[in-house]
Amino acid sequence: MNYIINTAYGCKLYQHQSFKEEHMNAFTYIKKICLTQLFTYKGYIFACQKTFNFKYKIPLYITDSLQFIPSKNARDYDSIWINYANVYAYVAIKNGISITFYDGTKVDIKISIKTFKTQINRLNLIREVKVKHFHS
């Protein structure tokens, strides 16, 4: 999966140059993915706040292939959830960044490159702790 956006009828999951529609908003779908991995979104956020002292803009590391960075506040209707695990490259553009995925598709989002890099660094910190706990 490359990214998730909200639509008038639910959300669209863009993957492999196509999309799938779900009849729930993107945030609800993200929470559903968390539950399939045996944790709650709320619990994850709380744990990241306590462990890393993050206040807001916390990316979501689920698995090696599902690592989501929201373009805005997670609950915002127009937030786009980027799956960083599928990001091939990103570059700064006039009003944000342009992201290219491994399958060649692209999406432009309104987020600064500095903020996006901060989110990537946070994902890496979270992954290190999760992998360490899993293997110890």
N, C-alpha and C. Protein backbone atom coordinates (compact mmCIF):
# COMPACT_ATOMS: atom_id res chain seq x y z
N MET A 1 0.84 -1.17 0.00
CA MET A 1 0.00 0.00 0.00
C MET A 1 0.89 1.25 0.00
N ASN A 2 0.56 2.20 -0.88
CA ASN A 2 1.37 3.42 -0.97
C ASN A 2 0.86 4.54 -0.06
N TYR A 3 -0.43 4.83 -0.17
CA TYR A 3 -1.00 5.88 0.67
C TYR A 3 -2.51 5.73 0.76
N ILE A 4 -3.10 6.44 1.73
CA ILE A 4 -4.53 6.38 1.98
C ILE A 4 -5.07 7.81 2.01
N ILE A 5 -6.19 8.03 1.31
CA ILE A 5 -6.86 9.34 1.35
C ILE A 5 -8.34 9.13 1.68
N ASN A 6 -8.96 10.16 2.22
CA ASN A 6 -10.39 10.14 2.47
C ASN A 6 -11.14 10.56 1.22
N THR A 7 -12.32 10.00 1.05
CA THR A 7 -13.23 10.39 -0.04
C THR A 7 -14.60 10.63 0.57
N ALA A 8 -15.54 11.05 -0.24
CA ALA A 8 -16.90 11.29 0.24
C ALA A 8 -17.56 10.00 0.71
N TYR A 9 -17.09 8.85 0.25
CA TYR A 9 -17.72 7.57 0.57
C TYR A 9 -16.90 6.69 1.50
N GLY A 10 -15.79 7.17 1.98
CA GLY A 10 -14.92 6.39 2.85
C GLY A 10 -13.48 6.77 2.61
N CYS A 11 -12.66 5.79 2.23
CA CYS A 11 -11.26 6.09 1.92
C CYS A 11 -10.79 5.23 0.75
N LYS A 12 -9.72 5.69 0.11
CA LYS A 12 -9.10 4.94 -0.97
C LYS A 12 -7.70 4.55 -0.55
N LEU A 13 -7.35 3.28 -0.80
CA LEU A 13 -6.02 2.76 -0.53
C LEU A 13 -5.31 2.61 -1.87
N TYR A 14 -4.30 3.42 -2.10
CA TYR A 14 -3.57 3.36 -3.37
C TYR A 14 -2.42 2.39 -3.25
N GLN A 15 -2.37 1.44 -4.19
CA GLN A 15 -1.34 0.42 -4.18
C GLN A 15 -1.12 -0.12 -5.59
N HIS A 16 0.11 -0.33 -5.93
CA HIS A 16 0.49 -0.95 -7.20
C HIS A 16 -0.28 -0.37 -8.40
N GLN A 17 -0.28 0.94 -8.53
CA GLN A 17 -0.90 1.67 -9.64
C GLN A 17 -2.41 1.44 -9.75
N SER A 18 -3.05 1.08 -8.64
CA SER A 18 -4.50 0.94 -8.61
C SER A 18 -4.97 1.39 -7.23
N PHE A 19 -6.25 1.26 -6.97
CA PHE A 19 -6.74 1.60 -5.64
C PHE A 19 -7.88 0.69 -5.24
N LYS A 20 -8.10 0.64 -3.93
CA LYS A 20 -9.17 -0.14 -3.33
C LYS A 20 -9.95 0.82 -2.45
N GLU A 21 -11.27 0.70 -2.45
CA GLU A 21 -12.09 1.58 -1.62
C GLU A 21 -12.58 0.85 -0.38
N GLU A 22 -12.60 1.56 0.73
CA GLU A 22 -13.12 1.05 1.99
C GLU A 22 -14.23 1.99 2.45
N HIS A 23 -15.25 1.43 3.07
CA HIS A 23 -16.39 2.24 3.51
C HIS A 23 -16.22 2.70 4.97
N MET A 24 -15.07 3.31 5.22
CA MET A 24 -14.77 3.93 6.51
C MET A 24 -13.73 5.00 6.24
N ASN A 25 -13.61 5.99 7.12
CA ASN A 25 -12.62 7.03 6.86
C ASN A 25 -11.21 6.49 7.09
N ALA A 26 -10.22 7.23 6.62
CA ALA A 26 -8.83 6.76 6.68
C ALA A 26 -8.36 6.52 8.11
N PHE A 27 -8.73 7.41 9.03
CA PHE A 27 -8.30 7.24 10.41
C PHE A 27 -8.88 5.96 11.02
N THR A 28 -10.14 5.68 10.75
CA THR A 28 -10.75 4.44 11.23
C THR A 28 -10.06 3.23 10.62
N TYR A 29 -9.70 3.32 9.34
CA TYR A 29 -9.00 2.21 8.69
C TYR A 29 -7.62 1.99 9.33
N ILE A 30 -6.92 3.07 9.64
CA ILE A 30 -5.62 2.97 10.30
C ILE A 30 -5.78 2.28 11.66
N LYS A 31 -6.79 2.67 12.41
CA LYS A 31 -7.04 2.04 13.71
C LYS A 31 -7.36 0.56 13.55
N LYS A 32 -8.06 0.21 12.48
CA LYS A 32 -8.39 -1.20 12.20
C LYS A 32 -7.11 -2.00 11.91
N ILE A 33 -6.18 -1.41 11.15
CA ILE A 33 -4.90 -2.08 10.86
C ILE A 33 -4.15 -2.34 12.17
N CYS A 34 -4.15 -1.35 13.06
CA CYS A 34 -3.48 -1.52 14.35
C CYS A 34 -4.06 -2.72 15.10
N LEU A 35 -5.38 -2.81 15.13
CA LEU A 35 -6.02 -3.91 15.86
C LEU A 35 -5.67 -5.26 15.26
N THR A 36 -5.50 -5.33 13.94
CA THR A 36 -5.11 -6.60 13.33
C THR A 36 -3.71 -7.03 13.77
N GLN A 37 -2.91 -6.05 14.24
CA GLN A 37 -1.56 -6.33 14.72
C GLN A 37 -1.50 -6.41 16.25
N LEU A 38 -2.69 -6.47 16.88
CA LEU A 38 -2.85 -6.69 18.31
C LEU A 38 -2.45 -5.51 19.20
N PHE A 39 -2.64 -4.29 18.71
CA PHE A 39 -2.47 -3.12 19.56
C PHE A 39 -3.45 -2.04 19.11
N THR A 40 -3.73 -1.10 20.01
CA THR A 40 -4.63 -0.01 19.66
C THR A 40 -3.82 1.21 19.23
N TYR A 41 -4.41 2.02 18.39
CA TYR A 41 -3.76 3.26 17.96
C TYR A 41 -3.53 4.16 19.17
N LYS A 42 -4.54 4.28 20.01
CA LYS A 42 -4.44 5.15 21.19
C LYS A 42 -3.31 4.69 22.11
N GLY A 43 -3.21 3.39 22.33
CA GLY A 43 -2.15 2.84 23.17
C GLY A 43 -0.77 3.07 22.58
N TYR A 44 -0.67 2.93 21.26
CA TYR A 44 0.59 3.17 20.55
C TYR A 44 1.04 4.62 20.74
N ILE A 45 0.12 5.56 20.54
CA ILE A 45 0.44 6.98 20.69
C ILE A 45 0.88 7.28 22.12
N PHE A 46 0.14 6.75 23.08
CA PHE A 46 0.49 6.95 24.49
C PHE A 46 1.90 6.41 24.78
N ALA A 47 2.19 5.21 24.29
CA ALA A 47 3.51 4.60 24.52
C ALA A 47 4.63 5.43 23.89
N CYS A 48 4.40 5.93 22.68
CA CYS A 48 5.42 6.77 22.00
C CYS A 48 5.63 8.08 22.75
N GLN A 49 4.54 8.66 23.27
CA GLN A 49 4.68 9.90 24.03
C GLN A 49 5.50 9.68 25.30
N LYS A 50 5.27 8.57 25.98
CA LYS A 50 6.00 8.27 27.21
C LYS A 50 7.44 7.83 26.95
N THR A 51 7.62 6.99 25.94
CA THR A 51 8.95 6.43 25.66
C THR A 51 9.88 7.45 25.02
N PHE A 52 9.38 8.21 24.05
CA PHE A 52 10.23 9.12 23.27
C PHE A 52 10.02 10.59 23.60
N ASN A 53 9.05 10.88 24.46
CA ASN A 53 8.70 12.26 24.80
C ASN A 53 8.21 13.05 23.58
N PHE A 54 7.59 12.36 22.61
CA PHE A 54 6.98 13.03 21.47
C PHE A 54 5.67 13.64 21.95
N LYS A 55 5.38 14.84 21.51
CA LYS A 55 4.13 15.50 21.90
C LYS A 55 3.05 15.32 20.84
N TYR A 56 3.41 15.44 19.59
CA TYR A 56 2.46 15.36 18.49
C TYR A 56 3.21 14.94 17.23
N LYS A 57 2.47 14.76 16.14
CA LYS A 57 3.04 14.31 14.86
C LYS A 57 3.84 13.03 15.05
N ILE A 58 3.16 12.02 15.56
CA ILE A 58 3.81 10.74 15.81
C ILE A 58 3.50 9.80 14.63
N PRO A 59 4.53 9.37 13.90
CA PRO A 59 4.29 8.43 12.79
C PRO A 59 3.92 7.05 13.34
N LEU A 60 3.34 6.24 12.49
CA LEU A 60 2.83 4.94 12.92
C LEU A 60 3.64 3.81 12.30
N TYR A 61 4.45 3.15 13.14
CA TYR A 61 5.21 1.99 12.69
C TYR A 61 4.43 0.74 13.08
N ILE A 62 3.92 0.02 12.08
CA ILE A 62 3.15 -1.19 12.35
C ILE A 62 4.01 -2.41 12.09
N THR A 63 4.51 -2.52 10.86
CA THR A 63 5.41 -3.60 10.48
C THR A 63 6.46 -3.00 9.54
N ASP A 64 7.40 -3.82 9.09
CA ASP A 64 8.39 -3.32 8.14
C ASP A 64 7.75 -2.85 6.84
N SER A 65 6.59 -3.38 6.49
CA SER A 65 5.94 -2.98 5.24
C SER A 65 4.80 -1.98 5.44
N LEU A 66 4.49 -1.63 6.68
CA LEU A 66 3.44 -0.64 6.98
C LEU A 66 3.98 0.38 7.98
N GLN A 67 4.39 1.54 7.43
CA GLN A 67 4.97 2.61 8.24
C GLN A 67 4.34 3.92 7.78
N PHE A 68 3.34 4.39 8.51
CA PHE A 68 2.54 5.52 8.04
C PHE A 68 2.95 6.86 8.63
N ILE A 69 3.02 7.84 7.74
CA ILE A 69 3.27 9.23 8.11
C ILE A 69 2.06 10.03 7.65
N PRO A 70 1.29 10.61 8.59
CA PRO A 70 0.16 11.44 8.18
C PRO A 70 0.66 12.81 7.72
N SER A 71 0.02 13.36 6.70
CA SER A 71 0.45 14.66 6.18
C SER A 71 0.01 15.81 7.09
N LYS A 72 -0.98 15.56 7.94
CA LYS A 72 -1.50 16.55 8.88
C LYS A 72 -1.84 15.83 10.17
N ASN A 73 -2.65 16.47 11.00
CA ASN A 73 -3.16 15.82 12.20
C ASN A 73 -3.87 14.53 11.77
N ALA A 74 -3.67 13.46 12.51
CA ALA A 74 -4.22 12.14 12.14
C ALA A 74 -5.73 12.16 11.93
N ARG A 75 -6.45 12.99 12.69
CA ARG A 75 -7.90 13.02 12.60
C ARG A 75 -8.43 13.95 11.51
N ASP A 76 -7.59 14.76 10.91
CA ASP A 76 -8.04 15.70 9.86
C ASP A 76 -8.55 14.95 8.64
N TYR A 77 -9.67 15.40 8.12
CA TYR A 77 -10.29 14.75 6.96
C TYR A 77 -9.34 14.75 5.76
N ASP A 78 -8.62 15.83 5.54
CA ASP A 78 -7.77 15.92 4.35
C ASP A 78 -6.33 15.43 4.58
N SER A 79 -6.11 14.73 5.67
CA SER A 79 -4.80 14.15 5.92
C SER A 79 -4.59 12.96 4.98
N ILE A 80 -3.39 12.88 4.41
CA ILE A 80 -3.01 11.76 3.57
C ILE A 80 -2.01 10.91 4.36
N TRP A 81 -2.27 9.62 4.44
CA TRP A 81 -1.41 8.70 5.17
C TRP A 81 -0.42 8.06 4.19
N ILE A 82 0.83 8.46 4.27
CA ILE A 82 1.89 7.95 3.39
C ILE A 82 2.53 6.73 4.04
N ASN A 83 2.60 5.64 3.28
CA ASN A 83 3.29 4.44 3.76
C ASN A 83 4.77 4.58 3.38
N TYR A 84 5.57 5.00 4.35
CA TYR A 84 6.98 5.27 4.08
C TYR A 84 7.73 4.03 3.60
N ALA A 85 7.27 2.85 3.96
CA ALA A 85 7.93 1.61 3.54
C ALA A 85 7.94 1.47 2.03
N ASN A 86 7.00 2.11 1.34
CA ASN A 86 6.93 2.03 -0.13
C ASN A 86 7.46 3.27 -0.83
N VAL A 87 8.03 4.21 -0.09
CA VAL A 87 8.55 5.44 -0.69
C VAL A 87 9.91 5.17 -1.32
N TYR A 88 10.00 5.46 -2.61
CA TYR A 88 11.27 5.31 -3.32
C TYR A 88 12.11 6.58 -3.20
N ALA A 89 11.44 7.75 -3.38
CA ALA A 89 12.15 9.03 -3.33
C ALA A 89 11.16 10.14 -3.02
N TYR A 90 11.69 11.26 -2.56
CA TYR A 90 10.86 12.45 -2.34
C TYR A 90 11.71 13.69 -2.59
N VAL A 91 11.06 14.72 -3.11
CA VAL A 91 11.75 15.98 -3.40
C VAL A 91 10.86 17.13 -2.99
N ALA A 92 11.49 18.24 -2.64
CA ALA A 92 10.75 19.45 -2.29
C ALA A 92 10.17 20.06 -3.56
N ILE A 93 8.94 20.52 -3.46
CA ILE A 93 8.31 21.27 -4.55
C ILE A 93 7.76 22.57 -3.95
N LYS A 94 7.14 23.38 -4.78
CA LYS A 94 6.69 24.71 -4.33
C LYS A 94 5.83 24.68 -3.07
N ASN A 95 4.83 23.82 -3.02
CA ASN A 95 3.90 23.80 -1.89
C ASN A 95 4.01 22.55 -1.02
N GLY A 96 5.18 21.94 -0.95
CA GLY A 96 5.34 20.75 -0.13
C GLY A 96 6.39 19.81 -0.68
N ILE A 97 6.02 18.53 -0.81
CA ILE A 97 6.94 17.55 -1.37
C ILE A 97 6.20 16.66 -2.37
N SER A 98 6.98 16.13 -3.30
CA SER A 98 6.47 15.17 -4.27
C SER A 98 7.12 13.83 -3.92
N ILE A 99 6.26 12.83 -3.73
CA ILE A 99 6.72 11.50 -3.31
C ILE A 99 6.56 10.52 -4.46
N THR A 100 7.59 9.76 -4.74
CA THR A 100 7.55 8.69 -5.74
C THR A 100 7.65 7.36 -5.00
N PHE A 101 6.77 6.44 -5.37
CA PHE A 101 6.74 5.13 -4.75
C PHE A 101 7.47 4.11 -5.63
N TYR A 102 7.78 2.97 -5.07
CA TYR A 102 8.52 1.94 -5.80
C TYR A 102 7.80 1.48 -7.07
N ASP A 103 6.47 1.57 -7.10
CA ASP A 103 5.75 1.15 -8.30
C ASP A 103 5.68 2.25 -9.36
N GLY A 104 6.32 3.39 -9.09
CA GLY A 104 6.37 4.48 -10.06
C GLY A 104 5.29 5.54 -9.89
N THR A 105 4.29 5.29 -9.06
CA THR A 105 3.25 6.30 -8.85
C THR A 105 3.79 7.44 -8.00
N LYS A 106 3.14 8.59 -8.12
CA LYS A 106 3.57 9.78 -7.40
C LYS A 106 2.38 10.43 -6.71
N VAL A 107 2.66 11.14 -5.64
CA VAL A 107 1.66 11.96 -4.97
C VAL A 107 2.36 13.19 -4.41
N ASP A 108 1.68 14.32 -4.48
CA ASP A 108 2.19 15.56 -3.91
C ASP A 108 1.42 15.84 -2.62
N ILE A 109 2.14 16.19 -1.57
CA ILE A 109 1.47 16.51 -0.31
C ILE A 109 2.00 17.84 0.22
N LYS A 110 1.15 18.50 0.98
CA LYS A 110 1.51 19.79 1.56
C LYS A 110 2.11 19.56 2.95
N ILE A 111 3.40 19.31 2.94
CA ILE A 111 4.18 19.12 4.16
C ILE A 111 5.60 19.56 3.82
N SER A 112 6.26 20.19 4.74
CA SER A 112 7.63 20.64 4.46
C SER A 112 8.57 19.44 4.44
N ILE A 113 9.63 19.57 3.70
CA ILE A 113 10.60 18.48 3.63
C ILE A 113 11.25 18.27 5.01
N LYS A 114 11.41 19.35 5.77
CA LYS A 114 11.97 19.25 7.12
C LYS A 114 11.06 18.40 8.01
N THR A 115 9.76 18.66 7.97
CA THR A 115 8.80 17.90 8.76
C THR A 115 8.80 16.44 8.34
N PHE A 116 8.84 16.18 7.03
CA PHE A 116 8.85 14.81 6.53
C PHE A 116 10.10 14.06 7.01
N LYS A 117 11.24 14.72 6.96
CA LYS A 117 12.49 14.08 7.43
C LYS A 117 12.43 13.81 8.94
N THR A 118 11.82 14.73 9.69
CA THR A 118 11.65 14.51 11.13
C THR A 118 10.80 13.27 11.38
N GLN A 119 9.73 13.12 10.59
CA GLN A 119 8.87 11.96 10.72
C GLN A 119 9.62 10.66 10.40
N ILE A 120 10.46 10.70 9.40
CA ILE A 120 11.27 9.54 9.03
C ILE A 120 12.22 9.17 10.18
N ASN A 121 12.86 10.19 10.77
CA ASN A 121 13.76 9.93 11.90
C ASN A 121 13.00 9.32 13.07
N ARG A 122 11.79 9.82 13.32
CA ARG A 122 10.98 9.27 14.40
C ARG A 122 10.59 7.82 14.11
N LEU A 123 10.23 7.54 12.86
CA LEU A 123 9.91 6.15 12.49
C LEU A 123 11.09 5.23 12.76
N ASN A 124 12.28 5.69 12.42
CA ASN A 124 13.48 4.88 12.64
C ASN A 124 13.73 4.62 14.12
N LEU A 125 13.51 5.64 14.97
CA LEU A 125 13.66 5.45 16.41
C LEU A 125 12.65 4.42 16.94
N ILE A 126 11.40 4.56 16.50
CA ILE A 126 10.35 3.65 16.93
C ILE A 126 10.66 2.22 16.47
N ARG A 127 11.10 2.08 15.22
CA ARG A 127 11.43 0.75 14.69
C ARG A 127 12.54 0.10 15.51
N GLU A 128 13.57 0.87 15.85
CA GLU A 128 14.68 0.31 16.63
C GLU A 128 14.19 -0.25 17.97
N VAL A 129 13.30 0.46 18.64
CA VAL A 129 12.78 -0.01 19.92
C VAL A 129 11.90 -1.23 19.73
N LYS A 130 11.02 -1.20 18.72
CA LYS A 130 10.11 -2.34 18.50
C LYS A 130 10.88 -3.59 18.11
N VAL A 131 11.86 -3.46 17.25
CA VAL A 131 12.64 -4.62 16.81
C VAL A 131 13.48 -5.16 17.97
N LYS A 132 14.04 -4.27 18.77
CA LYS A 132 14.83 -4.69 19.92
C LYS A 132 13.97 -5.49 20.90
N HIS A 133 12.74 -5.01 21.16
CA HIS A 133 11.85 -5.72 22.08
C HIS A 133 11.42 -7.07 21.51
N PHE A 134 11.23 -7.10 20.22
CA PHE A 134 10.78 -8.33 19.58
C PHE A 134 11.85 -9.42 19.63
N HIS A 135 13.11 -9.01 19.48
CA HIS A 135 14.21 -9.98 19.43
C HIS A 135 14.84 -10.30 20.77
N SER A 136 14.50 -9.56 21.82
CA SER A 136 15.16 -9.83 23.11
C SER A 136 14.42 -10.83 23.95
